[in-house]
Protein backbone atom coordinates (compact mmCIF):
# COMPACT_ATOMS: atom_id res chain seq x y z
CA UNK A 1 26.66 -24.11 13.91
CA UNK A 2 27.06 -22.90 10.29
CA UNK A 3 24.17 -23.42 7.91
CA UNK A 4 24.33 -26.00 5.25
CA UNK A 5 24.45 -25.00 1.56
CA UNK A 6 20.88 -26.31 1.26
CA UNK A 7 19.63 -24.12 4.13
CA UNK A 8 21.36 -21.05 2.62
CA UNK A 9 19.85 -21.61 -0.77
CA UNK A 10 16.43 -22.17 0.74
CA UNK A 11 16.67 -18.87 2.67
CA UNK A 12 17.82 -17.05 -0.49
CA UNK A 13 15.00 -18.46 -2.57
CA UNK A 14 12.40 -17.64 0.08
CA UNK A 15 13.69 -14.01 0.18
CA UNK A 16 13.58 -13.92 -3.61
CA UNK A 17 9.97 -15.16 -3.61
CA UNK A 18 8.96 -12.47 -1.24
CA UNK A 19 10.72 -9.70 -3.17
CA UNK A 20 9.01 -10.84 -6.46
CA UNK A 21 5.64 -10.94 -4.46
CA UNK A 22 6.28 -7.36 -3.32
CA UNK A 23 6.92 -6.23 -6.84
CA UNK A 24 3.80 -7.95 -7.98
CA UNK A 25 1.78 -6.32 -5.19
CA UNK A 26 3.12 -2.95 -6.10
CA UNK A 27 2.15 -3.43 -9.78
CA UNK A 28 -1.26 -5.11 -9.43
CA UNK A 29 -2.30 -4.99 -5.83
CA UNK A 30 -2.16 -7.58 -3.01
CA UNK A 31 -5.48 -9.20 -4.10
CA UNK A 32 -3.89 -10.21 -7.39
CA UNK A 33 -0.95 -11.89 -5.81
CA UNK A 34 -0.44 -15.19 -7.71
CA UNK A 35 2.00 -17.99 -6.85
CA UNK A 36 1.84 -19.09 -10.51
CA UNK A 37 2.86 -15.70 -11.68
CA UNK A 38 5.77 -15.60 -9.10
CA UNK A 39 6.89 -18.96 -10.19
CA UNK A 40 6.89 -17.90 -13.81
CA UNK A 41 8.91 -14.83 -13.19
CA UNK A 42 11.52 -16.87 -11.20
CA UNK A 43 11.57 -19.50 -13.84
CA UNK A 44 10.45 -22.07 -11.28
CA UNK A 45 7.65 -24.56 -11.66
CA UNK A 46 4.59 -23.86 -9.55
CA UNK A 47 4.91 -27.13 -7.64
CA UNK A 48 8.52 -26.30 -6.75
CA UNK A 49 7.37 -22.95 -5.32
CA UNK A 50 4.87 -24.75 -3.14
CA UNK A 51 7.77 -26.26 -1.27
CA UNK A 52 8.39 -22.88 0.13
CA UNK A 53 4.87 -21.66 0.68
CA UNK A 54 2.00 -24.13 0.65
CA UNK A 55 -0.41 -21.54 -0.80
CA UNK A 56 -0.97 -17.93 -1.48
CA UNK A 57 -2.33 -17.32 2.11
CA UNK A 58 0.90 -18.65 3.62
CA UNK A 59 2.91 -16.29 1.54
CA UNK A 60 0.59 -13.25 2.44
CA UNK A 61 0.97 -14.16 6.09
CA UNK A 62 4.71 -14.20 5.85
CA UNK A 63 4.72 -10.89 4.01
CA UNK A 64 2.44 -9.37 6.73
CA UNK A 65 4.78 -10.56 9.52
CA UNK A 66 7.75 -9.10 7.68
CA UNK A 67 6.04 -5.84 7.07
CA UNK A 68 5.08 -5.37 10.75
CA UNK A 69 8.44 -6.46 11.94
CA UNK A 70 10.27 -4.05 9.57
CA UNK A 71 7.96 -1.21 10.63
CA UNK A 72 8.45 -1.83 14.26
CA UNK A 73 12.24 -2.11 13.88
CA UNK A 74 12.25 1.22 12.03
CA UNK A 75 10.26 2.88 14.80
CA UNK A 76 12.45 1.41 17.60
CA UNK A 77 15.66 2.40 15.80
CA UNK A 78 14.53 5.93 15.53
CA UNK A 79 13.30 6.28 19.13
CA UNK A 80 16.59 5.02 20.48
CA UNK A 81 18.13 8.38 19.47
CA UNK A 82 15.83 10.30 21.79
CA UNK A 83 16.12 10.77 25.57
CA UNK A 84 13.63 8.64 27.49
CA UNK A 85 12.09 11.65 29.29
CA UNK A 86 11.63 13.58 26.08
CA UNK A 87 8.17 12.42 25.36
CA UNK A 88 7.42 15.11 22.83
CA UNK A 89 10.52 14.07 20.95
CA UNK A 90 9.88 10.34 21.30
CA UNK A 91 6.30 10.53 19.96
CA UNK A 92 7.43 12.83 17.07
CA UNK A 93 10.24 10.56 16.18
CA UNK A 94 8.10 7.42 16.24
CA UNK A 95 5.41 9.16 14.20
CA UNK A 96 7.70 10.37 11.50
CA UNK A 97 9.50 7.08 11.34
CA UNK A 98 6.13 5.49 10.69
CA UNK A 99 5.43 7.77 7.85
CA UNK A 100 8.91 7.46 6.36
CA UNK A 101 8.74 3.68 6.38
CA UNK A 102 5.22 3.76 4.95
CA UNK A 103 6.20 6.05 2.04
CA UNK A 104 9.33 4.00 1.25
CA UNK A 105 7.55 0.67 1.44
CA UNK A 106 4.07 1.35 -0.10
CA UNK A 107 3.24 -2.30 -1.04
CA UNK A 108 4.03 -3.45 2.46
CA UNK A 109 2.20 -0.52 4.05
CA UNK A 110 -0.89 -1.21 1.81
CA UNK A 111 -0.73 -4.83 2.67
CA UNK A 112 -0.91 -4.21 6.48
CA UNK A 113 -3.11 -1.13 6.55
CA UNK A 114 -4.98 -1.04 3.31
CA UNK A 115 -7.91 -2.80 1.74
CA UNK A 116 -8.35 -6.40 2.95
CA UNK A 117 -7.53 -9.23 0.49
CA UNK A 118 -10.84 -11.03 -0.46
CA UNK A 119 -10.88 -14.49 0.91
CA UNK A 120 -7.79 -14.16 3.04
CA UNK A 121 -8.12 -14.46 6.86
CA UNK A 122 -4.96 -13.67 8.87
CA UNK A 123 -4.01 -16.27 11.45
CA UNK A 124 -4.26 -14.20 14.60
CA UNK A 125 -1.75 -16.27 16.52
CA UNK A 126 0.89 -15.24 13.96
CA UNK A 127 -0.09 -11.74 13.02
CA UNK A 128 -1.65 -10.13 16.16
CA UNK A 129 1.68 -10.16 18.12
CA UNK A 130 3.60 -8.30 15.34
CA UNK A 131 0.74 -5.94 14.74
CA UNK A 132 0.44 -5.23 18.53
CA UNK A 133 4.13 -4.34 18.67
CA UNK A 134 3.30 -1.14 16.78
CA UNK A 135 0.71 -0.22 19.41
CA UNK A 136 3.13 -1.14 22.17
CA UNK A 137 5.74 1.21 20.91
CA UNK A 138 3.33 4.15 20.93
CA UNK A 139 1.62 2.95 24.11
CA UNK A 140 4.83 2.79 26.17
CA UNK A 141 5.64 6.38 25.35
CA UNK A 142 2.20 7.35 26.61
CA UNK A 143 2.54 5.07 29.67
CA UNK A 144 5.85 6.59 30.88
CA UNK A 145 4.53 10.11 30.19
CA UNK A 146 1.37 9.30 32.22
CA UNK A 147 3.20 8.04 35.22
CA UNK A 148 5.40 11.14 35.23
CA UNK A 149 2.40 13.52 34.94
CA UNK A 150 3.37 14.60 31.44
CA UNK A 151 0.33 13.22 29.56
CA UNK A 152 -2.96 14.94 29.11
CA UNK A 153 -5.84 12.48 28.68
CA UNK A 154 -8.63 14.20 26.74
CA UNK A 155 -11.83 13.94 28.76
CA UNK A 156 -13.74 12.30 25.96
CA UNK A 157 -11.76 9.07 26.47
CA UNK A 158 -12.42 8.93 30.24
CA UNK A 159 -16.13 8.05 29.91
CA UNK A 160 -16.57 5.35 27.29
CA UNK A 161 -19.90 3.62 26.73
CA UNK A 162 -20.14 0.35 28.66
CA UNK A 163 -19.56 -1.97 25.71
CA UNK A 164 -16.40 -0.06 24.59
CA UNK A 165 -15.07 0.13 28.13
CA UNK A 166 -15.50 -3.69 28.39
CA UNK A 167 -13.39 -4.14 25.27
CA UNK A 168 -10.61 -2.03 26.65
CA UNK A 169 -10.72 -3.95 30.03
CA UNK A 170 -10.40 -7.23 28.03
CA UNK A 171 -7.37 -5.80 26.12
CA UNK A 172 -5.88 -4.64 29.44
CA UNK A 173 -6.14 -8.16 30.88
CA UNK A 174 -4.71 -9.71 27.76
CA UNK A 175 -1.74 -7.29 27.80
CA UNK A 176 -0.97 -8.35 31.37
CA UNK A 177 0.96 -5.10 32.08
CA UNK A 178 -0.32 -3.59 35.40
CA UNK A 179 1.73 -0.54 34.83
CA UNK A 180 -0.20 0.34 31.68
CA UNK A 181 -3.49 2.10 32.61
CA UNK A 182 -6.69 1.26 30.65
CA UNK A 183 -7.00 4.95 29.71
CA UNK A 184 -3.58 4.82 27.97
CA UNK A 185 -4.79 1.83 25.93
CA UNK A 186 -7.85 3.85 24.82
CA UNK A 187 -5.55 6.73 23.79
CA UNK A 188 -3.15 4.40 21.92
CA UNK A 189 -6.14 2.81 20.09
CA UNK A 190 -7.22 6.27 18.99
CA UNK A 191 -3.70 7.54 18.01
CA UNK A 192 -2.58 4.74 15.68
CA UNK A 193 -5.37 4.90 13.18
CA UNK A 194 -5.12 8.65 13.06
CA UNK A 195 -1.43 8.31 12.20
CA UNK A 196 -1.77 5.64 9.49
CA UNK A 197 -4.86 7.32 8.09
CA UNK A 198 -2.80 10.35 7.27
CA UNK A 199 -0.20 8.22 5.55
CA UNK A 200 -2.85 6.30 3.72
CA UNK A 201 -4.51 9.47 2.53
CA UNK A 202 -1.20 10.87 1.27
CA UNK A 203 -0.32 7.76 -0.53
CA UNK A 204 -3.71 7.43 -2.33
CA UNK A 205 -4.25 11.03 -3.25
CA UNK A 206 -7.02 12.05 -0.88
CA UNK A 207 -5.50 15.44 -0.38
CA UNK A 208 -5.43 18.18 -2.97
CA UNK A 209 -2.44 17.71 -5.40
CA UNK A 210 0.75 19.07 -3.78
CA UNK A 211 -0.92 19.72 -0.35
CA UNK A 212 0.68 16.83 1.66
CA UNK A 213 3.49 15.69 -0.58
CA UNK A 214 6.24 17.53 1.38
CA UNK A 215 5.19 15.88 4.68
CA UNK A 216 4.55 19.30 6.18
CA UNK A 217 0.90 18.78 6.67
CA UNK A 218 1.72 15.46 8.45
CA UNK A 219 4.06 17.36 10.68
CA UNK A 220 1.37 19.88 11.54
CA UNK A 221 -0.99 17.13 12.42
CA UNK A 222 1.65 15.30 14.61
CA UNK A 223 2.21 18.68 16.42
CA UNK A 224 -1.57 19.03 16.92
CA UNK A 225 -1.68 15.59 18.52
CA UNK A 226 1.24 16.49 20.77
CA UNK A 227 -0.57 19.65 21.93
CA UNK A 228 -3.72 17.65 22.50
CA UNK A 229 -1.93 15.15 24.64
CA UNK A 230 0.09 17.66 26.54
CA UNK A 231 3.41 16.42 25.16
CA UNK A 232 5.41 19.57 25.04
CA UNK A 233 9.05 20.66 25.62
């Protein structure tokens, strides 16, 4: 069934609101996001904008969902070009797709991996599934490699303290994927922060000027991770 004119206009206005919000985040930061300022730029009344998003938090949540979804889509699109048994290539491709998306979409990257917005509490039922998708993409590479004997698990992750091991077991139960070993969940939990930490540090100038700008340092670090995990060609 084709969409009505009103539905099309609503979708277009919603997209415009989000784009103006991203522009505002890029200029002043996510914490300063203001529905009033967005309405002013769009030449709308603030009450009219509330018909699209009931408050700032609803808009932030929508932007978070969009960001995680776009990042996951970019990672999956990249990995489709690599053979399923080329675990080194798949991890490399996913990691570099992550950086490329983060560098091209800095406001969105900062929104999902940067400083929390004061007073904002993400609704887990909406944001956890899309955030978890990023972990799953990496974790499934590790899982397949593990079952084919192509993944080296660093010994440090095999003997976690009891409280940490209990959390991993809980995550494993929630995942409901018997084919994914708990040790792979541990490795994935370690890997993602290491990847986004490199991108964050590059974006916000935590390396000497010119040191990481070309992406070569990131490439070295991803190579080092591959060697650590036994993902070689």
